Structure formats: structure tokens, C-alpha cells
Amino acid sequence: MAVSSVVKNFRDGTILIEDGTGTPLAVTVQYEAGDFSISGLNQSNTEATTYLDRGELGSVRKTSRTFPTFSFSAHMTDLSDNTDKLLYDAVNKTGAFASAVSTGGTASDVYLLKVTFTVEGTNFGDSADHVMVLNNCHLSLDLSEGDPNSFSISGTVYGAITAT
């Protein structure tokens, strides 16, 4: 596979949020700003700790697990609805997501979701789209009034991260 010659930008991404049911409750984020960001990724998602030998570097070791964080924003079109699957409801387990099941299973009492960030590739001659799957994410949402009203969503990834 050759490296793509097309630089990707904010116009090429989509964000999908899903719960943990057999046929997932899902919402594709609409009217988003194209500002998805993820921080804290490293090879093993662990801290690197240094051990000194009389003030000089003696060893570098993996220690505690780290948990990457991400954020994105979207324009507000609606809040809550019992039928339509909306961003606010997905994050808060309300409305059409009231019966949602955490992707964390019974190992946690925290409501966790799967977030998939996809960047279009095939339309630009790439062999596939580019996909990052974030499992067991705890999300929070901020609402701001303005022109336009907007949501700011942030999350922490407690599960596996895959990228293709």
C-alpha cells in the first residue's frame, strides 16, 4: 500500500457514537465543527518513569496505565428526543438512549460508549478509509449559547484503541 498523496482536513471526518447493545444504539454527529482532537496516545498507553543512578539516567520503565482524552464540538440542532437519536441523549443516557447499555459491561457502573472517528480515504484514491476506534469512553458535554449554540464534548478512553 502506498502512502496517500492527499492531505486530509476537517471536511473528511465523521464521528460515530455507539452503546454496547447487540444492535448498538448509534448517532453520527451532525453539524460538527471538524475539530476532533485526541491527546495522550503512546505505544503502550503507559507512563514512562525514569530511574536515576546517582543523578544519571539508569533506566526507563513503563509504569502506570494512562488514559488518552479527546474532544470535539458540534452545533446544537436539538436537545433530547425519545425517538430520534441525538448527541445530548447519547452522552447523558436519556431520550432515545435511555435504554442504552454501557460498553464497559458489568465491570463498571460508569456509562461508557464506543467512539469511532473515520477520515475519508477511498474517495481520494486511498485503499481504505482511515478509522480510529476508541472503546469504553466516558463522555461529558458542555452546552454554550451563541451564534450558533454549540456542544463541546470531551471524553476519556478507558478501553482499547485501534487505528487502521
N, C-alpha and C. Protein backbone atom coordinates (compact mmCIF):
# COMPACT_ATOMS: atom_id res chain seq x y z
N MET A 1 0.85 -1.18 0.00
CA MET A 1 0.00 0.00 0.00
C MET A 1 0.89 1.24 0.00
N ALA A 2 0.59 2.16 -0.85
CA ALA A 2 1.35 3.41 -0.94
C ALA A 2 0.80 4.44 0.05
N VAL A 3 1.67 5.30 0.50
CA VAL A 3 1.25 6.40 1.36
C VAL A 3 0.42 7.36 0.53
N SER A 4 -0.71 7.80 1.10
CA SER A 4 -1.61 8.70 0.39
C SER A 4 -0.90 10.01 0.04
N SER A 5 -1.22 10.53 -1.10
CA SER A 5 -0.65 11.82 -1.50
C SER A 5 -1.63 12.96 -1.25
N VAL A 6 -2.78 12.65 -0.64
CA VAL A 6 -3.80 13.67 -0.38
C VAL A 6 -3.83 13.99 1.11
N VAL A 7 -3.57 15.24 1.45
CA VAL A 7 -3.63 15.69 2.83
C VAL A 7 -5.10 15.72 3.25
N LYS A 8 -5.40 15.14 4.41
CA LYS A 8 -6.78 15.13 4.91
C LYS A 8 -7.03 16.38 5.74
N ASN A 9 -8.31 16.83 5.74
CA ASN A 9 -8.65 18.01 6.54
C ASN A 9 -10.01 17.83 7.21
N PHE A 10 -10.49 18.87 7.85
CA PHE A 10 -11.71 18.83 8.64
C PHE A 10 -12.95 18.42 7.83
N ARG A 11 -12.89 18.51 6.54
CA ARG A 11 -14.04 18.15 5.70
C ARG A 11 -14.20 16.65 5.54
N ASP A 12 -13.18 15.88 5.92
CA ASP A 12 -13.13 14.46 5.60
C ASP A 12 -13.55 13.54 6.74
N GLY A 13 -13.81 14.06 7.94
CA GLY A 13 -14.05 13.21 9.09
C GLY A 13 -15.51 13.05 9.46
N THR A 14 -15.81 11.93 10.13
CA THR A 14 -17.11 11.70 10.75
C THR A 14 -16.87 11.08 12.13
N ILE A 15 -17.82 11.30 13.03
CA ILE A 15 -17.74 10.76 14.38
C ILE A 15 -19.03 9.98 14.65
N LEU A 16 -18.86 8.72 15.04
CA LEU A 16 -19.98 7.84 15.37
C LEU A 16 -19.88 7.45 16.83
N ILE A 17 -21.00 7.54 17.57
CA ILE A 17 -21.05 7.16 18.97
C ILE A 17 -22.04 6.01 19.10
N GLU A 18 -21.61 4.92 19.78
CA GLU A 18 -22.45 3.72 19.92
C GLU A 18 -22.44 3.22 21.35
N ASP A 19 -23.56 2.60 21.73
CA ASP A 19 -23.62 1.96 23.04
C ASP A 19 -23.21 0.49 22.89
N GLY A 20 -23.44 -0.30 23.93
CA GLY A 20 -22.97 -1.68 23.93
C GLY A 20 -24.03 -2.74 23.70
N THR A 21 -25.19 -2.38 23.18
CA THR A 21 -26.21 -3.41 22.91
C THR A 21 -25.82 -4.23 21.68
N GLY A 22 -26.46 -5.39 21.52
CA GLY A 22 -26.16 -6.27 20.38
C GLY A 22 -26.30 -5.57 19.04
N THR A 23 -27.37 -4.83 18.87
CA THR A 23 -27.52 -3.93 17.72
C THR A 23 -27.41 -2.53 18.31
N PRO A 24 -26.22 -1.94 18.24
CA PRO A 24 -25.96 -0.72 19.00
C PRO A 24 -26.91 0.44 18.68
N LEU A 25 -27.30 1.14 19.74
CA LEU A 25 -27.90 2.46 19.56
C LEU A 25 -26.76 3.35 19.11
N ALA A 26 -26.95 4.11 18.05
CA ALA A 26 -25.85 4.87 17.48
C ALA A 26 -26.32 6.23 16.99
N VAL A 27 -25.41 7.19 17.06
CA VAL A 27 -25.66 8.51 16.49
C VAL A 27 -24.38 8.95 15.78
N THR A 28 -24.55 9.37 14.53
CA THR A 28 -23.45 10.02 13.81
C THR A 28 -23.59 11.51 14.08
N VAL A 29 -22.54 12.10 14.61
CA VAL A 29 -22.59 13.51 14.99
C VAL A 29 -22.78 14.35 13.74
N GLN A 30 -23.80 15.20 13.76
CA GLN A 30 -24.06 16.08 12.61
C GLN A 30 -23.69 17.51 12.96
N TYR A 31 -23.46 18.30 11.96
CA TYR A 31 -23.14 19.72 12.13
C TYR A 31 -21.98 19.94 13.10
N GLU A 32 -20.96 19.12 12.94
CA GLU A 32 -19.79 19.26 13.80
C GLU A 32 -18.80 20.21 13.16
N ALA A 33 -17.95 20.78 13.98
CA ALA A 33 -17.03 21.80 13.51
C ALA A 33 -15.81 21.24 12.77
N GLY A 34 -15.57 19.94 12.89
CA GLY A 34 -14.39 19.36 12.27
C GLY A 34 -13.15 19.62 13.09
N ASP A 35 -13.28 19.56 14.42
CA ASP A 35 -12.16 19.86 15.30
C ASP A 35 -11.85 18.72 16.27
N PHE A 36 -12.13 17.47 15.86
CA PHE A 36 -11.82 16.32 16.71
C PHE A 36 -10.34 16.35 17.08
N SER A 37 -10.06 16.10 18.35
CA SER A 37 -8.69 16.11 18.83
C SER A 37 -8.52 15.00 19.86
N ILE A 38 -7.40 14.29 19.82
CA ILE A 38 -7.11 13.27 20.83
C ILE A 38 -5.70 13.50 21.35
N SER A 39 -5.53 13.35 22.66
CA SER A 39 -4.24 13.62 23.30
C SER A 39 -3.84 12.45 24.18
N GLY A 40 -2.54 12.27 24.30
CA GLY A 40 -2.02 11.28 25.24
C GLY A 40 -1.78 9.91 24.66
N LEU A 41 -1.78 9.78 23.34
CA LEU A 41 -1.52 8.47 22.73
C LEU A 41 -0.03 8.15 22.81
N ASN A 42 0.29 6.94 23.19
CA ASN A 42 1.66 6.46 23.06
C ASN A 42 1.65 4.95 22.84
N GLN A 43 2.79 4.38 22.58
CA GLN A 43 2.89 3.00 22.14
C GLN A 43 2.15 2.01 23.04
N SER A 44 2.19 2.18 24.31
CA SER A 44 1.53 1.22 25.19
C SER A 44 0.54 1.87 26.15
N ASN A 45 0.27 3.15 25.96
CA ASN A 45 -0.60 3.91 26.86
C ASN A 45 -0.20 3.70 28.32
N THR A 46 1.09 3.89 28.56
CA THR A 46 1.62 3.83 29.91
C THR A 46 2.55 5.02 30.14
N GLU A 47 2.74 5.33 31.42
CA GLU A 47 3.72 6.35 31.77
C GLU A 47 5.12 5.77 31.59
N ALA A 48 6.05 6.62 31.26
CA ALA A 48 7.45 6.23 31.24
C ALA A 48 8.11 6.88 32.45
N THR A 49 8.67 6.06 33.29
CA THR A 49 9.29 6.56 34.51
C THR A 49 10.79 6.34 34.44
N THR A 50 11.54 7.36 34.83
CA THR A 50 13.00 7.25 34.83
C THR A 50 13.49 6.88 36.22
N TYR A 51 14.53 6.08 36.25
CA TYR A 51 15.21 5.71 37.49
C TYR A 51 16.66 6.16 37.36
N LEU A 52 17.08 6.94 38.33
CA LEU A 52 18.41 7.53 38.27
C LEU A 52 19.42 6.71 39.07
N ASP A 53 20.64 6.71 38.58
CA ASP A 53 21.78 6.09 39.25
C ASP A 53 22.75 7.20 39.60
N ARG A 54 22.65 7.66 40.85
CA ARG A 54 23.50 8.75 41.33
C ARG A 54 23.40 9.97 40.42
N GLY A 55 22.16 10.30 40.06
CA GLY A 55 21.90 11.50 39.29
C GLY A 55 21.93 11.33 37.79
N GLU A 56 22.33 10.18 37.30
CA GLU A 56 22.37 9.90 35.87
C GLU A 56 21.30 8.89 35.51
N LEU A 57 20.86 8.94 34.27
CA LEU A 57 19.82 8.01 33.81
C LEU A 57 20.32 6.57 33.93
N GLY A 58 19.60 5.79 34.69
CA GLY A 58 19.94 4.38 34.84
C GLY A 58 19.02 3.49 34.02
N SER A 59 17.72 3.84 34.00
CA SER A 59 16.75 3.01 33.29
C SER A 59 15.47 3.81 33.06
N VAL A 60 14.75 3.45 32.03
CA VAL A 60 13.43 4.00 31.75
C VAL A 60 12.48 2.81 31.69
N ARG A 61 11.40 2.87 32.49
CA ARG A 61 10.47 1.75 32.58
C ARG A 61 9.04 2.20 32.38
N LYS A 62 8.24 1.31 31.83
CA LYS A 62 6.79 1.52 31.78
C LYS A 62 6.25 1.34 33.18
N THR A 63 5.33 2.23 33.58
CA THR A 63 4.71 2.09 34.90
C THR A 63 3.19 2.14 34.75
N SER A 64 2.53 3.12 35.32
CA SER A 64 1.08 3.17 35.38
C SER A 64 0.44 3.38 34.01
N ARG A 65 -0.72 2.83 33.84
CA ARG A 65 -1.52 2.99 32.63
C ARG A 65 -1.95 4.45 32.52
N THR A 66 -1.99 4.97 31.30
CA THR A 66 -2.52 6.30 31.04
C THR A 66 -3.80 6.16 30.23
N PHE A 67 -4.59 7.21 30.21
CA PHE A 67 -5.88 7.17 29.54
C PHE A 67 -6.01 8.39 28.64
N PRO A 68 -5.87 8.19 27.33
CA PRO A 68 -5.97 9.31 26.40
C PRO A 68 -7.31 10.03 26.53
N THR A 69 -7.29 11.31 26.22
CA THR A 69 -8.50 12.12 26.24
C THR A 69 -8.75 12.70 24.85
N PHE A 70 -10.00 13.00 24.57
CA PHE A 70 -10.35 13.56 23.27
C PHE A 70 -11.44 14.59 23.43
N SER A 71 -11.64 15.38 22.38
CA SER A 71 -12.70 16.38 22.39
C SER A 71 -13.12 16.71 20.97
N PHE A 72 -14.30 17.25 20.85
CA PHE A 72 -14.80 17.79 19.59
C PHE A 72 -15.98 18.69 19.91
N SER A 73 -16.38 19.48 18.94
CA SER A 73 -17.55 20.34 19.13
C SER A 73 -18.52 20.14 17.99
N ALA A 74 -19.76 20.51 18.26
CA ALA A 74 -20.82 20.38 17.26
C ALA A 74 -21.83 21.50 17.48
N HIS A 75 -22.45 21.91 16.41
CA HIS A 75 -23.51 22.91 16.51
C HIS A 75 -24.77 22.26 17.06
N MET A 76 -25.45 22.95 17.93
CA MET A 76 -26.68 22.41 18.51
C MET A 76 -27.83 22.55 17.53
N THR A 77 -28.50 21.43 17.29
CA THR A 77 -29.72 21.46 16.49
C THR A 77 -30.92 21.03 17.32
N ASP A 78 -30.67 20.25 18.35
CA ASP A 78 -31.74 19.69 19.16
C ASP A 78 -31.16 19.25 20.49
N LEU A 79 -32.00 19.06 21.49
CA LEU A 79 -31.51 18.55 22.77
C LEU A 79 -31.87 17.09 22.93
N SER A 80 -33.10 16.81 23.35
CA SER A 80 -33.48 15.45 23.70
C SER A 80 -34.74 15.04 22.96
N ASP A 81 -34.81 13.76 22.62
CA ASP A 81 -35.98 13.24 21.92
C ASP A 81 -36.08 11.75 22.23
N ASN A 82 -37.30 11.26 22.43
CA ASN A 82 -37.49 9.84 22.75
C ASN A 82 -37.39 8.93 21.54
N THR A 83 -37.42 9.48 20.32
CA THR A 83 -37.35 8.67 19.11
C THR A 83 -36.05 8.88 18.35
N ASP A 84 -35.77 10.13 18.03
CA ASP A 84 -34.55 10.43 17.27
C ASP A 84 -33.32 10.29 18.15
N LYS A 85 -32.27 9.72 17.59
CA LYS A 85 -31.02 9.53 18.33
C LYS A 85 -30.19 10.80 18.22
N LEU A 86 -30.00 11.46 19.37
CA LEU A 86 -29.35 12.76 19.40
C LEU A 86 -28.09 12.71 20.27
N LEU A 87 -27.17 13.62 19.98
CA LEU A 87 -25.90 13.67 20.68
C LEU A 87 -26.08 13.86 22.19
N TYR A 88 -26.89 14.81 22.59
CA TYR A 88 -27.13 15.07 24.01
C TYR A 88 -27.61 13.80 24.72
N ASP A 89 -28.55 13.08 24.10
CA ASP A 89 -29.09 11.86 24.70
C ASP A 89 -28.05 10.74 24.77
N ALA A 90 -27.21 10.61 23.75
CA ALA A 90 -26.18 9.58 23.76
C ALA A 90 -25.24 9.78 24.94
N VAL A 91 -24.83 11.01 25.17
CA VAL A 91 -23.88 11.31 26.25
C VAL A 91 -24.53 11.13 27.62
N ASN A 92 -25.80 11.51 27.75
CA ASN A 92 -26.47 11.54 29.05
C ASN A 92 -27.37 10.35 29.34
N LYS A 93 -27.46 9.41 28.39
CA LYS A 93 -28.30 8.20 28.55
C LYS A 93 -29.75 8.60 28.84
N THR A 94 -30.26 9.50 27.99
CA THR A 94 -31.63 9.99 28.10
C THR A 94 -32.31 9.81 26.75
N GLY A 95 -33.59 10.19 26.67
CA GLY A 95 -34.33 10.14 25.41
C GLY A 95 -34.22 8.78 24.74
N ALA A 96 -33.91 8.76 23.44
CA ALA A 96 -33.81 7.52 22.69
C ALA A 96 -32.67 6.63 23.19
N PHE A 97 -31.77 7.17 24.00
CA PHE A 97 -30.67 6.38 24.57
C PHE A 97 -30.94 5.98 26.03
N ALA A 98 -32.17 6.19 26.52
CA ALA A 98 -32.48 5.85 27.92
C ALA A 98 -32.24 4.38 28.22
N SER A 99 -32.39 3.51 27.24
CA SER A 99 -32.18 2.07 27.45
C SER A 99 -30.79 1.63 27.00
N ALA A 100 -29.91 2.58 26.73
CA ALA A 100 -28.56 2.25 26.27
C ALA A 100 -27.83 1.38 27.28
N VAL A 101 -26.92 0.58 26.76
CA VAL A 101 -26.11 -0.31 27.59
C VAL A 101 -24.66 0.15 27.50
N SER A 102 -24.01 0.24 28.63
CA SER A 102 -22.61 0.65 28.67
C SER A 102 -21.74 -0.36 27.93
N THR A 103 -20.75 0.12 27.20
CA THR A 103 -19.80 -0.78 26.54
C THR A 103 -18.85 -1.40 27.56
N GLY A 104 -18.84 -0.90 28.79
CA GLY A 104 -17.97 -1.43 29.83
C GLY A 104 -18.49 -2.69 30.48
N GLY A 105 -19.70 -3.11 30.14
CA GLY A 105 -20.28 -4.31 30.71
C GLY A 105 -20.49 -4.19 32.21
N THR A 106 -20.41 -5.31 32.90
CA THR A 106 -20.68 -5.31 34.33
C THR A 106 -19.44 -4.99 35.15
N ALA A 107 -18.31 -4.71 34.50
CA ALA A 107 -17.07 -4.42 35.22
C ALA A 107 -17.06 -3.00 35.78
N SER A 108 -18.06 -2.20 35.43
CA SER A 108 -18.07 -0.81 35.87
C SER A 108 -19.49 -0.31 35.98
N ASP A 109 -19.72 0.61 36.91
CA ASP A 109 -21.03 1.25 36.99
C ASP A 109 -21.03 2.59 36.26
N VAL A 110 -19.96 2.87 35.51
CA VAL A 110 -19.84 4.09 34.73
C VAL A 110 -20.37 3.81 33.32
N TYR A 111 -21.19 4.70 32.81
CA TYR A 111 -21.75 4.59 31.47
C TYR A 111 -20.67 4.92 30.45
N LEU A 112 -20.27 3.91 29.68
CA LEU A 112 -19.19 4.05 28.70
C LEU A 112 -19.73 3.80 27.29
N LEU A 113 -19.12 4.44 26.30
CA LEU A 113 -19.55 4.34 24.91
C LEU A 113 -18.36 4.08 23.99
N LYS A 114 -18.66 3.61 22.80
CA LYS A 114 -17.65 3.43 21.76
C LYS A 114 -17.72 4.64 20.83
N VAL A 115 -16.56 5.22 20.52
CA VAL A 115 -16.49 6.38 19.63
C VAL A 115 -15.59 6.00 18.46
N THR A 116 -16.11 6.19 17.25
CA THR A 116 -15.34 5.88 16.05
C THR A 116 -15.15 7.15 15.24
N PHE A 117 -13.89 7.48 14.99
CA PHE A 117 -13.52 8.64 14.18
C PHE A 117 -13.03 8.10 12.84
N THR A 118 -13.72 8.45 11.76
CA THR A 118 -13.38 7.97 10.42
C THR A 118 -12.99 9.14 9.55
N VAL A 119 -11.89 9.00 8.84
CA VAL A 119 -11.43 10.01 7.90
C VAL A 119 -11.51 9.39 6.50
N GLU A 120 -12.24 10.04 5.61
CA GLU A 120 -12.43 9.56 4.24
C GLU A 120 -11.07 9.37 3.56
N GLY A 121 -10.91 8.24 2.89
CA GLY A 121 -9.69 7.97 2.15
C GLY A 121 -9.95 7.45 0.75
N THR A 122 -10.97 6.57 0.63
CA THR A 122 -11.21 5.92 -0.66
C THR A 122 -11.61 6.91 -1.75
N ASN A 123 -12.29 7.99 -1.38
CA ASN A 123 -12.67 9.00 -2.38
C ASN A 123 -11.46 9.74 -2.94
N PHE A 124 -10.31 9.57 -2.27
CA PHE A 124 -9.09 10.25 -2.70
C PHE A 124 -8.06 9.27 -3.24
N GLY A 125 -8.50 8.05 -3.57
CA GLY A 125 -7.60 7.05 -4.14
C GLY A 125 -6.87 6.20 -3.12
N ASP A 126 -7.12 6.40 -1.83
CA ASP A 126 -6.51 5.55 -0.80
C ASP A 126 -7.17 4.17 -0.88
N SER A 127 -6.48 3.15 -0.39
CA SER A 127 -7.04 1.80 -0.45
C SER A 127 -8.19 1.60 0.53
N ALA A 128 -8.31 2.46 1.54
CA ALA A 128 -9.39 2.36 2.53
C ALA A 128 -9.56 3.70 3.23
N ASP A 129 -10.67 3.83 3.94
CA ASP A 129 -10.83 4.98 4.82
C ASP A 129 -9.92 4.77 6.03
N HIS A 130 -9.68 5.82 6.79
CA HIS A 130 -8.79 5.76 7.95
C HIS A 130 -9.67 5.83 9.19
N VAL A 131 -9.57 4.81 10.05
CA VAL A 131 -10.52 4.65 11.15
C VAL A 131 -9.78 4.50 12.48
N MET A 132 -10.22 5.28 13.48
CA MET A 132 -9.73 5.14 14.84
C MET A 132 -10.92 4.81 15.72
N VAL A 133 -10.86 3.66 16.39
CA VAL A 133 -11.93 3.21 17.27
C VAL A 133 -11.47 3.35 18.71
N LEU A 134 -12.26 4.08 19.49
CA LEU A 134 -11.97 4.33 20.90
C LEU A 134 -13.02 3.59 21.72
N ASN A 135 -12.60 2.57 22.45
CA ASN A 135 -13.53 1.73 23.20
C ASN A 135 -13.62 2.17 24.66
N ASN A 136 -14.80 1.99 25.22
CA ASN A 136 -15.07 2.28 26.63
C ASN A 136 -14.71 3.72 26.99
N CYS A 137 -15.40 4.65 26.36
CA CYS A 137 -15.17 6.08 26.57
C CYS A 137 -16.22 6.66 27.51
N HIS A 138 -15.76 7.45 28.46
CA HIS A 138 -16.67 8.21 29.32
C HIS A 138 -16.74 9.62 28.76
N LEU A 139 -17.94 10.06 28.40
CA LEU A 139 -18.13 11.35 27.74
C LEU A 139 -18.79 12.36 28.66
N SER A 140 -18.49 13.62 28.44
CA SER A 140 -19.22 14.71 29.08
C SER A 140 -19.49 15.77 28.02
N LEU A 141 -20.53 16.56 28.26
CA LEU A 141 -20.99 17.52 27.27
C LEU A 141 -21.19 18.88 27.93
N ASP A 142 -20.72 19.91 27.26
CA ASP A 142 -20.98 21.29 27.66
C ASP A 142 -21.84 21.94 26.59
N LEU A 143 -22.77 22.77 26.99
CA LEU A 143 -23.64 23.48 26.06
C LEU A 143 -23.39 24.97 26.21
N SER A 144 -23.16 25.63 25.09
CA SER A 144 -22.94 27.08 25.10
C SER A 144 -23.90 27.76 24.15
N GLU A 145 -24.55 28.81 24.64
CA GLU A 145 -25.42 29.60 23.79
C GLU A 145 -24.56 30.58 23.01
N GLY A 146 -24.94 30.82 21.78
CA GLY A 146 -24.19 31.77 20.96
C GLY A 146 -24.72 31.77 19.54
N ASP A 147 -23.90 32.14 18.62
CA ASP A 147 -24.28 32.17 17.21
C ASP A 147 -23.29 31.31 16.42
N PRO A 148 -23.49 30.01 16.39
CA PRO A 148 -24.65 29.24 16.85
C PRO A 148 -24.47 28.71 18.27
N ASN A 149 -25.56 28.13 18.83
CA ASN A 149 -25.43 27.36 20.06
C ASN A 149 -24.54 26.17 19.74
N SER A 150 -23.76 25.74 20.72
CA SER A 150 -22.83 24.65 20.43
C SER A 150 -22.66 23.71 21.60
N PHE A 151 -22.28 22.48 21.26
CA PHE A 151 -21.90 21.47 22.23
C PHE A 151 -20.39 21.33 22.18
N SER A 152 -19.78 21.17 23.33
CA SER A 152 -18.38 20.76 23.42
C SER A 152 -18.37 19.43 24.14
N ILE A 153 -17.85 18.41 23.49
CA ILE A 153 -17.84 17.07 24.05
C ILE A 153 -16.40 16.71 24.37
N SER A 154 -16.20 16.17 25.56
CA SER A 154 -14.88 15.66 25.92
C SER A 154 -15.04 14.25 26.44
N GLY A 155 -13.98 13.48 26.31
CA GLY A 155 -14.05 12.10 26.74
C GLY A 155 -12.70 11.55 27.15
N THR A 156 -12.75 10.48 27.93
CA THR A 156 -11.57 9.74 28.34
C THR A 156 -11.73 8.31 27.85
N VAL A 157 -10.67 7.76 27.27
CA VAL A 157 -10.70 6.40 26.73
C VAL A 157 -10.15 5.44 27.79
N TYR A 158 -10.99 4.50 28.23
CA TYR A 158 -10.58 3.52 29.23
C TYR A 158 -10.35 2.13 28.61
N GLY A 159 -10.68 1.97 27.34
CA GLY A 159 -10.52 0.68 26.67
C GLY A 159 -9.46 0.74 25.59
N ALA A 160 -9.51 -0.26 24.73
CA ALA A 160 -8.54 -0.38 23.65
C ALA A 160 -8.77 0.69 22.59
N ILE A 161 -7.68 1.05 21.93
CA ILE A 161 -7.72 1.98 20.80
C ILE A 161 -7.13 1.25 19.59
N THR A 162 -7.90 1.25 18.50
CA THR A 162 -7.36 0.64 17.28
C THR A 162 -7.39 1.70 16.17
N ALA A 163 -6.40 1.65 15.31
CA ALA A 163 -6.31 2.57 14.19
C ALA A 163 -5.96 1.79 12.95
N THR A 164 -6.71 2.04 11.88
CA THR A 164 -6.42 1.39 10.59
C THR A 164 -6.45 2.42 9.48
